[in-house]
Amino acid sequence: MRHILRAKSCKLVWAAFFAVIIFSVLPVNEAQARQTIEPEIRPASGWVSPLDFGLRHGATFNLNITNHGFSISGQYRYVLGPHTQWVSEAGFGNIKDSREQAFVTWFGQQIIPNKYNRVLNFPVMTGVRQRLLADYIEDNFRFYVSGMLGASFSFVYPYFEDLLLEDGPAQVQLPGSRIYDVFQGWGDGSWQTGWSGKLALAVDFGQTFNTLTSLEFGVMGHYYPKGIQIMEPNRLVEREGFLEIERGTGFPAQKLFLTPTITLMFGGMW
């Protein structure tokens, strides 16, 4: 009889032990079940804009790389809305003809055959800058697309000494013509006005807006209705041992100048 009671008591002890373990593991209610199995999903933080920090004005200094070489520019930004900015840009650089070919002598002198004029360019443009994919990309990597239009002011001055003949300027480099450096020939230069425009995609880096660091890829164009004569309009040919000038058989003036651009921007907002 004692053995039977002892066996029953052991069974009751083991049953109570397993019951305590089971009830301690299982959740008491549905709320505890959700909290134990997985946490509540927190909504993602929304995007921010310069307006959230009281910033509306911005300015950058830009270093540009184009088919024409290096140039510099400055950009002013005014925040119109959370994702929209009005931008104005002014720059300084040069313009080259797409048909130019440069050669360097043993003494480091650069020679461009058939070049007639140098061109210093001062574009002034204004337009709109719009942020893209703000709901899907973090604020420290902000994509913008921009489009600008404006005026293009160019100072055109001679590349070499254009000798004066009986029938007018030679407009071609003769054996006695000397090549000017970049600071010579300005007295014979003239201004030409045209149109300029740029379409670009940029990325602004950084979590805050006080400091601006941007990388921009775009396409820039200049259009001059009358064209700019960068290459020689006449040709120098040799006939029977004599040099002759064939007028109007050289390179025509170029009206449209297109180039890809890569721009590094550094600045801030206030």
Protein backbone atom coordinates (compact mmCIF):
# COMPACT_ATOMS: atom_id res chain seq x y z
CA MET A 1 0.00 0.00 0.00
CA ARG A 2 2.86 2.39 0.84
CA HIS A 3 4.47 1.70 -2.53
CA ILE A 4 1.23 2.55 -4.34
CA LEU A 5 0.82 5.87 -2.44
CA ARG A 6 4.47 6.74 -3.01
CA ALA A 7 4.10 6.10 -6.77
CA LYS A 8 0.97 8.26 -6.97
CA SER A 9 2.63 11.10 -5.06
CA CYS A 10 5.62 10.98 -7.43
CA LYS A 11 3.31 11.20 -10.41
CA LEU A 12 1.52 14.22 -8.89
CA VAL A 13 4.83 15.96 -8.23
CA TRP A 14 6.01 15.42 -11.82
CA ALA A 15 2.62 16.57 -13.19
CA ALA A 16 2.76 19.75 -11.11
CA PHE A 17 6.35 20.38 -12.23
CA PHE A 18 5.49 20.11 -15.93
CA ALA A 19 2.39 22.27 -15.44
CA VAL A 20 4.48 25.07 -13.89
CA ILE A 21 6.96 24.91 -16.79
CA ILE A 22 4.21 24.95 -19.45
CA PHE A 23 2.30 27.88 -17.91
CA SER A 24 5.51 29.85 -17.42
CA VAL A 25 6.45 29.44 -21.10
CA LEU A 26 3.05 29.98 -22.68
CA PRO A 27 1.78 33.63 -22.88
CA VAL A 28 -1.13 34.52 -20.69
CA ASN A 29 -3.00 36.60 -23.30
CA GLU A 30 -2.85 37.60 -26.96
CA ALA A 31 -1.06 40.89 -26.27
CA GLN A 32 1.73 39.04 -24.45
CA ALA A 33 1.88 36.57 -27.35
CA ARG A 34 2.48 39.35 -29.87
CA GLN A 35 5.10 40.94 -27.64
CA THR A 36 6.90 37.64 -27.11
CA ILE A 37 6.81 36.41 -30.72
CA GLU A 38 7.72 39.66 -32.55
CA PRO A 39 7.90 43.37 -31.62
CA GLU A 40 5.56 45.99 -32.96
CA ILE A 41 6.62 47.41 -36.33
CA ARG A 42 7.66 51.03 -36.02
CA PRO A 43 6.86 53.32 -38.92
CA ALA A 44 9.91 54.55 -40.88
CA SER A 45 11.00 58.11 -40.23
CA GLY A 46 9.93 60.51 -43.01
CA TRP A 47 12.15 62.69 -45.19
CA VAL A 48 13.37 66.09 -44.09
CA SER A 49 14.02 69.26 -46.07
CA PRO A 50 16.00 72.48 -45.50
CA LEU A 51 12.78 74.15 -44.37
CA ASP A 52 12.66 71.82 -41.34
CA PHE A 53 15.88 73.49 -40.13
CA GLY A 54 14.89 77.05 -41.06
CA LEU A 55 17.22 77.08 -44.08
CA ARG A 56 16.06 78.76 -47.29
CA HIS A 57 19.20 80.14 -49.01
CA GLY A 58 22.21 78.24 -50.32
CA ALA A 59 25.37 78.89 -52.32
CA THR A 60 28.07 76.67 -53.80
CA PHE A 61 31.44 77.02 -55.51
CA ASN A 62 31.72 74.64 -58.46
CA LEU A 63 34.61 72.97 -60.29
CA ASN A 64 33.56 71.79 -63.76
CA ILE A 65 35.11 69.37 -66.24
CA THR A 66 33.86 69.55 -69.84
CA ASN A 67 35.05 68.82 -73.38
CA HIS A 68 36.31 72.42 -73.42
CA GLY A 69 38.54 71.86 -70.37
CA PHE A 70 38.21 73.05 -66.78
CA SER A 71 35.93 75.87 -65.69
CA ILE A 72 34.58 77.39 -62.49
CA SER A 73 31.13 78.62 -61.54
CA GLY A 74 28.98 79.66 -58.61
CA GLN A 75 25.43 78.64 -57.84
CA TYR A 76 22.75 80.26 -55.69
CA ARG A 77 19.79 78.23 -54.41
CA TYR A 78 16.48 79.43 -52.99
CA VAL A 79 14.16 76.84 -51.42
CA LEU A 80 10.64 77.10 -52.85
CA GLY A 81 9.23 73.98 -51.19
CA PRO A 82 10.27 70.77 -49.41
CA HIS A 83 11.63 69.26 -52.65
CA THR A 84 11.89 72.24 -55.02
CA GLN A 85 14.62 74.87 -55.35
CA TRP A 86 15.09 77.83 -57.65
CA VAL A 87 18.72 78.01 -58.80
CA SER A 88 20.86 80.60 -60.57
CA GLU A 89 24.36 79.94 -61.86
CA ALA A 90 27.16 82.03 -63.35
CA GLY A 91 30.43 80.63 -64.65
CA PHE A 92 33.71 81.31 -66.39
CA GLY A 93 35.51 79.05 -68.85
CA ASN A 94 36.41 78.70 -72.50
CA ILE A 95 34.80 77.25 -75.62
CA LYS A 96 36.56 75.10 -78.18
CA ASP A 97 35.57 73.98 -81.64
CA SER A 98 34.81 70.26 -81.83
CA ARG A 99 37.26 70.00 -84.76
CA GLU A 100 40.28 71.26 -82.80
CA GLN A 101 43.35 69.03 -82.44
CA ALA A 102 46.13 70.15 -80.11
CA PHE A 103 49.79 69.17 -80.33
CA VAL A 104 52.60 69.90 -77.86
CA THR A 105 56.16 70.60 -78.99
CA TRP A 106 59.33 69.37 -77.29
CA PHE A 107 59.56 72.76 -75.58
CA GLY A 108 56.04 72.47 -74.08
CA GLN A 109 54.38 74.87 -76.50
CA GLN A 110 50.85 73.91 -77.54
CA ILE A 111 50.02 74.28 -81.22
CA ILE A 112 46.50 73.92 -82.64
CA PRO A 113 46.54 73.74 -86.44
CA ASN A 114 43.94 75.87 -88.24
CA LYS A 115 42.82 77.62 -85.04
CA TYR A 116 41.74 81.20 -85.66
CA ASN A 117 40.23 82.57 -82.42
CA ARG A 118 40.19 81.90 -78.71
CA VAL A 119 36.88 82.15 -76.84
CA LEU A 120 36.31 83.06 -73.18
CA ASN A 121 32.82 82.15 -72.07
CA PHE A 122 30.61 83.62 -69.30
CA PRO A 123 27.29 81.73 -69.04
CA VAL A 124 24.52 83.05 -66.77
CA MET A 125 21.57 80.70 -66.24
CA THR A 126 18.54 80.22 -64.01
CA GLY A 127 16.11 77.36 -63.54
CA VAL A 128 14.56 74.80 -61.17
CA ARG A 129 16.04 71.98 -59.10
CA GLN A 130 13.71 69.12 -58.03
CA ARG A 131 14.42 66.31 -55.57
CA LEU A 132 13.67 62.74 -56.69
CA LEU A 133 12.64 59.59 -54.77
CA ALA A 134 12.59 61.30 -51.38
CA ASP A 135 10.29 58.59 -49.94
CA TYR A 136 12.63 55.76 -50.95
CA ILE A 137 16.18 57.08 -50.49
CA GLU A 138 17.73 58.24 -47.23
CA ASP A 139 18.28 61.95 -46.62
CA ASN A 140 22.07 61.62 -46.60
CA PHE A 141 21.98 60.66 -50.31
CA ARG A 142 19.60 63.08 -52.02
CA PHE A 143 18.98 62.91 -55.79
CA TYR A 144 18.10 66.08 -57.72
CA VAL A 145 17.30 66.80 -61.35
CA SER A 146 17.75 70.35 -62.62
CA GLY A 147 17.16 72.33 -65.78
CA MET A 148 18.46 75.83 -66.50
CA LEU A 149 18.37 78.34 -69.35
CA GLY A 150 20.07 81.67 -69.81
CA ALA A 151 22.49 83.83 -71.74
CA SER A 152 25.99 83.01 -72.91
CA PHE A 153 28.44 85.91 -73.20
CA SER A 154 31.63 85.13 -75.12
CA PHE A 155 34.73 87.21 -75.70
CA VAL A 156 36.36 86.20 -78.99
CA TYR A 157 39.97 87.26 -79.64
CA PRO A 158 42.64 86.14 -82.16
CA TYR A 159 44.81 83.07 -81.71
CA PHE A 160 47.59 84.47 -83.93
CA GLU A 161 48.68 87.70 -85.57
CA ASP A 162 46.36 88.11 -88.55
CA LEU A 163 48.42 89.86 -91.21
CA LEU A 164 46.73 92.54 -93.29
CA LEU A 165 46.96 92.06 -97.07
CA GLU A 166 45.89 94.22 -99.99
CA ASP A 167 42.47 92.54 -100.10
CA GLY A 168 41.96 92.56 -96.33
CA PRO A 169 42.98 90.37 -93.39
CA ALA A 170 44.43 87.02 -94.37
CA GLN A 171 42.23 85.11 -91.86
CA VAL A 172 44.68 82.25 -92.09
CA GLN A 173 48.05 81.74 -90.42
CA LEU A 174 50.85 82.79 -92.76
CA PRO A 175 54.52 81.87 -92.33
CA GLY A 176 55.20 85.31 -90.84
CA SER A 177 52.33 85.16 -88.32
CA ARG A 178 53.18 84.64 -84.68
CA ILE A 179 50.96 82.76 -82.26
CA TYR A 180 49.66 84.83 -79.35
CA ASP A 181 49.57 83.61 -75.78
CA VAL A 182 46.33 83.77 -73.82
CA PHE A 183 47.02 87.34 -72.67
CA GLN A 184 47.74 88.78 -76.11
CA GLY A 185 45.40 89.93 -78.85
CA TRP A 186 42.68 91.18 -76.50
CA GLY A 187 42.65 94.57 -78.22
CA ASP A 188 41.38 92.92 -81.39
CA GLY A 189 38.68 90.93 -79.61
CA SER A 190 34.90 91.35 -79.66
CA TRP A 191 31.87 90.18 -77.70
CA GLN A 192 29.21 87.77 -78.96
CA THR A 193 25.98 86.89 -77.20
CA GLY A 194 24.04 83.66 -77.42
CA TRP A 195 21.97 81.22 -75.38
CA SER A 196 23.06 78.64 -72.85
CA GLY A 197 21.32 75.77 -71.09
CA LYS A 198 22.02 72.77 -68.90
CA LEU A 199 20.20 69.59 -67.90
CA ALA A 200 21.77 67.70 -64.99
CA LEU A 201 21.36 64.97 -62.37
CA ALA A 202 23.02 65.62 -59.01
CA VAL A 203 23.54 63.92 -55.66
CA ASP A 204 23.76 65.90 -52.40
CA PHE A 205 25.69 64.12 -49.63
CA GLY A 206 25.36 64.52 -45.87
CA GLN A 207 22.70 64.21 -43.19
CA THR A 208 22.51 67.95 -42.53
CA PHE A 209 21.82 70.78 -44.94
CA ASN A 210 24.11 73.42 -43.42
CA THR A 211 27.06 72.08 -45.41
CA LEU A 212 26.58 71.26 -49.10
CA THR A 213 28.68 68.71 -50.97
CA SER A 214 27.33 67.64 -54.35
CA LEU A 215 28.36 65.67 -57.41
CA GLU A 216 26.60 66.54 -60.66
CA PHE A 217 26.51 64.94 -64.12
CA GLY A 218 24.89 66.83 -66.97
CA VAL A 219 24.84 68.11 -70.51
CA MET A 220 25.48 71.78 -71.28
CA GLY A 221 24.97 73.66 -74.52
CA HIS A 222 25.66 77.07 -76.03
CA TYR A 223 23.94 78.41 -79.15
CA TYR A 224 25.01 81.49 -81.11
CA PRO A 225 22.66 82.49 -83.96
CA LYS A 226 25.49 84.11 -85.96
CA GLY A 227 28.04 81.43 -85.08
CA ILE A 228 31.57 81.84 -83.71
CA GLN A 229 34.55 81.58 -86.05
CA ILE A 230 37.00 79.54 -84.00
CA MET A 231 38.75 77.77 -86.89
CA GLU A 232 40.31 79.47 -89.92
CA PRO A 233 37.71 80.50 -92.54
CA ASN A 234 40.32 80.53 -95.32
CA ARG A 235 42.86 78.00 -96.54
CA LEU A 236 46.51 78.43 -97.46
CA VAL A 237 47.44 76.30 -100.48
CA GLU A 238 50.60 75.94 -102.54
CA ARG A 239 50.43 76.20 -106.32
CA GLU A 240 53.50 76.08 -108.54
CA GLY A 241 55.78 76.90 -105.64
CA PHE A 242 53.72 79.87 -104.48
CA LEU A 243 51.36 80.17 -101.48
CA GLU A 244 47.84 81.32 -102.24
CA ILE A 245 44.86 82.06 -100.02
CA GLU A 246 41.58 80.40 -100.92
CA ARG A 247 38.92 82.50 -99.26
CA GLY A 248 35.78 80.89 -97.92
CA THR A 249 37.07 77.33 -98.33
CA GLY A 250 38.16 76.82 -94.73
CA PHE A 251 36.07 75.95 -91.69
CA PRO A 252 32.59 77.44 -91.26
CA ALA A 253 31.56 79.19 -88.06
CA GLN A 254 30.07 76.92 -85.41
CA LYS A 255 26.69 77.79 -83.91
CA LEU A 256 25.99 74.97 -81.45
CA PHE A 257 28.40 73.76 -78.78
CA LEU A 258 27.37 70.69 -76.72
CA THR A 259 29.42 69.06 -73.99
CA PRO A 260 28.94 66.62 -71.09
CA THR A 261 29.76 68.08 -67.68
CA ILE A 262 31.04 66.68 -64.38
CA THR A 263 30.77 69.14 -61.49
CA LEU A 264 31.95 69.09 -57.87
CA MET A 265 30.05 71.52 -55.62
CA PHE A 266 31.06 72.83 -52.20
CA GLY A 267 29.03 75.29 -50.15
CA GLY A 268 26.43 75.78 -47.45
CA MET A 269 22.93 76.97 -46.56
CA TRP A 270 21.58 79.59 -44.18
